[in-house]
Amino acid sequence: MSDEPTVLKLLTRLDIPVERVINGLVEDKNDFKHILVLGFDKDNKLTSRSSTSDIGLLLELMEHFKHNLFDGQYDGEP
């Protein structure tokens, strides 16, 4: 039996540690064409990172995410 935890990709209502989300991105990095990361730093300042400088694409990513969030299609899991 392994000491490593099993990560289940299930719907959750609990916060997920930042490290777990980032590790999931690293593991799945080849699955992405573009990525946008938004968050608050430890000083509660909004910060972002992106793989593209295309403002139109960034807005499209945000609008798709917002639509999916309001439509119940976002499950919150990495």
C-alpha atoms as a PDB file:
ATOM      1  CA  MET A   1       0.000   0.000   0.000  1.00  0.00           C
ATOM      2  CA  SER A   2       1.327   3.459  -0.957  1.00  0.00           C
ATOM      3  CA  ASP A   3       1.678   6.360   1.459  1.00  0.00           C
ATOM      4  CA  GLU A   4       0.726   8.758  -1.339  1.00  0.00           C
ATOM      5  CA  PRO A   5      -2.820  10.151  -1.111  1.00  0.00           C
ATOM      6  CA  THR A   6      -5.269   9.256  -3.836  1.00  0.00           C
ATOM      7  CA  VAL A   7      -6.567  12.363  -5.579  1.00  0.00           C
ATOM      8  CA  LEU A   8     -10.188  11.924  -6.544  1.00  0.00           C
ATOM      9  CA  LYS A   9     -11.561  14.261  -9.199  1.00  0.00           C
ATOM     10  CA  LEU A  10     -14.903  14.847  -7.525  1.00  0.00           C
ATOM     11  CA  LEU A  11     -17.088  17.879  -6.971  1.00  0.00           C
ATOM     12  CA  THR A  12     -16.124  19.645  -3.771  1.00  0.00           C
ATOM     13  CA  ARG A  13     -17.344  22.602  -1.788  1.00  0.00           C
ATOM     14  CA  LEU A  14     -14.145  22.834   0.244  1.00  0.00           C
ATOM     15  CA  ASP A  15     -11.169  25.024  -0.555  1.00  0.00           C
ATOM     16  CA  ILE A  16      -8.257  23.248  -2.212  1.00  0.00           C
ATOM     17  CA  PRO A  17      -4.688  24.094  -1.148  1.00  0.00           C
ATOM     18  CA  VAL A  18      -2.881  26.322  -3.669  1.00  0.00           C
ATOM     19  CA  GLU A  19       0.029  23.873  -3.809  1.00  0.00           C
ATOM     20  CA  ARG A  20      -2.304  21.041  -4.901  1.00  0.00           C
ATOM     21  CA  VAL A  21      -3.815  23.154  -7.685  1.00  0.00           C
ATOM     22  CA  ILE A  22      -0.383  24.240  -8.950  1.00  0.00           C
ATOM     23  CA  ASN A  23       0.965  20.678  -8.782  1.00  0.00           C
ATOM     24  CA  GLY A  24      -2.018  19.533 -10.834  1.00  0.00           C
ATOM     25  CA  LEU A  25      -1.220  22.174 -13.441  1.00  0.00           C
ATOM     26  CA  VAL A  26       2.398  21.048 -13.604  1.00  0.00           C
ATOM     27  CA  GLU A  27       1.363  17.403 -14.007  1.00  0.00           C
ATOM     28  CA  ASP A  28      -1.102  18.312 -16.798  1.00  0.00           C
ATOM     29  CA  LYS A  29       0.980  21.060 -18.434  1.00  0.00           C
ATOM     30  CA  ASN A  30       1.014  19.365 -21.840  1.00  0.00           C
ATOM     31  CA  ASP A  31      -2.805  19.397 -21.918  1.00  0.00           C
ATOM     32  CA  PHE A  32      -2.945  23.212 -22.150  1.00  0.00           C
ATOM     33  CA  LYS A  33      -2.611  25.459 -25.164  1.00  0.00           C
ATOM     34  CA  HIS A  34      -3.093  28.689 -23.151  1.00  0.00           C
ATOM     35  CA  ILE A  35      -3.406  29.315 -19.446  1.00  0.00           C
ATOM     36  CA  LEU A  36      -4.558  32.174 -17.244  1.00  0.00           C
ATOM     37  CA  VAL A  37      -4.057  32.077 -13.485  1.00  0.00           C
ATOM     38  CA  LEU A  38      -5.791  34.608 -11.231  1.00  0.00           C
ATOM     39  CA  GLY A  39      -5.427  34.833  -7.504  1.00  0.00           C
ATOM     40  CA  PHE A  40      -4.836  36.886  -4.408  1.00  0.00           C
ATOM     41  CA  ASP A  41      -1.356  36.986  -2.966  1.00  0.00           C
ATOM     42  CA  LYS A  42      -0.630  36.844   0.749  1.00  0.00           C
ATOM     43  CA  ASP A  43      -1.242  40.611   0.985  1.00  0.00           C
ATOM     44  CA  ASN A  44      -4.707  40.154  -0.584  1.00  0.00           C
ATOM     45  CA  LYS A  45      -3.575  41.873  -3.773  1.00  0.00           C
ATOM     46  CA  LEU A  46      -5.014  40.520  -7.024  1.00  0.00           C
ATOM     47  CA  THR A  47      -2.298  39.007  -9.191  1.00  0.00           C
ATOM     48  CA  SER A  48      -2.264  37.123 -12.470  1.00  0.00           C
ATOM     49  CA  ARG A  49      -0.048  35.044 -14.723  1.00  0.00           C
ATOM     50  CA  SER A  50      -0.708  34.155 -18.335  1.00  0.00           C
ATOM     51  CA  SER A  51       0.900  32.244 -21.173  1.00  0.00           C
ATOM     52  CA  THR A  52      -0.408  34.742 -23.742  1.00  0.00           C
ATOM     53  CA  SER A  53      -0.226  38.486 -24.224  1.00  0.00           C
ATOM     54  CA  ASP A  54      -3.364  38.466 -26.411  1.00  0.00           C
ATOM     55  CA  ILE A  55      -5.857  40.601 -24.446  1.00  0.00           C
ATOM     56  CA  GLY A  56      -8.770  39.332 -26.543  1.00  0.00           C
ATOM     57  CA  LEU A  57      -7.912  35.733 -25.731  1.00  0.00           C
ATOM     58  CA  LEU A  58      -7.572  36.565 -22.029  1.00  0.00           C
ATOM     59  CA  LEU A  59     -11.032  38.164 -22.035  1.00  0.00           C
ATOM     60  CA  GLU A  60     -12.426  35.139 -23.879  1.00  0.00           C
ATOM     61  CA  LEU A  61     -10.929  32.784 -21.274  1.00  0.00           C
ATOM     62  CA  MET A  62     -12.465  34.829 -18.454  1.00  0.00           C
ATOM     63  CA  GLU A  63     -15.883  35.023 -20.121  1.00  0.00           C
ATOM     64  CA  HIS A  64     -15.964  31.270 -20.781  1.00  0.00           C
ATOM     65  CA  PHE A  65     -14.993  30.590 -17.176  1.00  0.00           C
ATOM     66  CA  LYS A  66     -17.647  33.015 -15.903  1.00  0.00           C
ATOM     67  CA  HIS A  67     -20.304  31.425 -18.106  1.00  0.00           C
ATOM     68  CA  ASN A  68     -19.380  27.921 -16.935  1.00  0.00           C
ATOM     69  CA  LEU A  69     -19.313  29.054 -13.304  1.00  0.00           C
ATOM     70  CA  PHE A  70     -22.806  30.563 -13.490  1.00  0.00           C
ATOM     71  CA  ASP A  71     -24.078  27.590 -15.499  1.00  0.00           C
ATOM     72  CA  GLY A  72     -22.861  25.103 -12.858  1.00  0.00           C
ATOM     73  CA  GLN A  73     -20.268  23.503 -15.141  1.00  0.00           C
ATOM     74  CA  TYR A  74     -17.265  24.448 -13.006  1.00  0.00           C
ATOM     75  CA  ASP A  75     -16.457  21.798 -10.394  1.00  0.00           C
ATOM     76  CA  GLY A  76     -13.559  23.550  -8.648  1.00  0.00           C
ATOM     77  CA  GLU A  77     -11.156  20.635  -8.961  1.00  0.00           C
ATOM     78  CA  PRO A  78      -7.694  20.845 -10.468  1.00  0.00           C
END
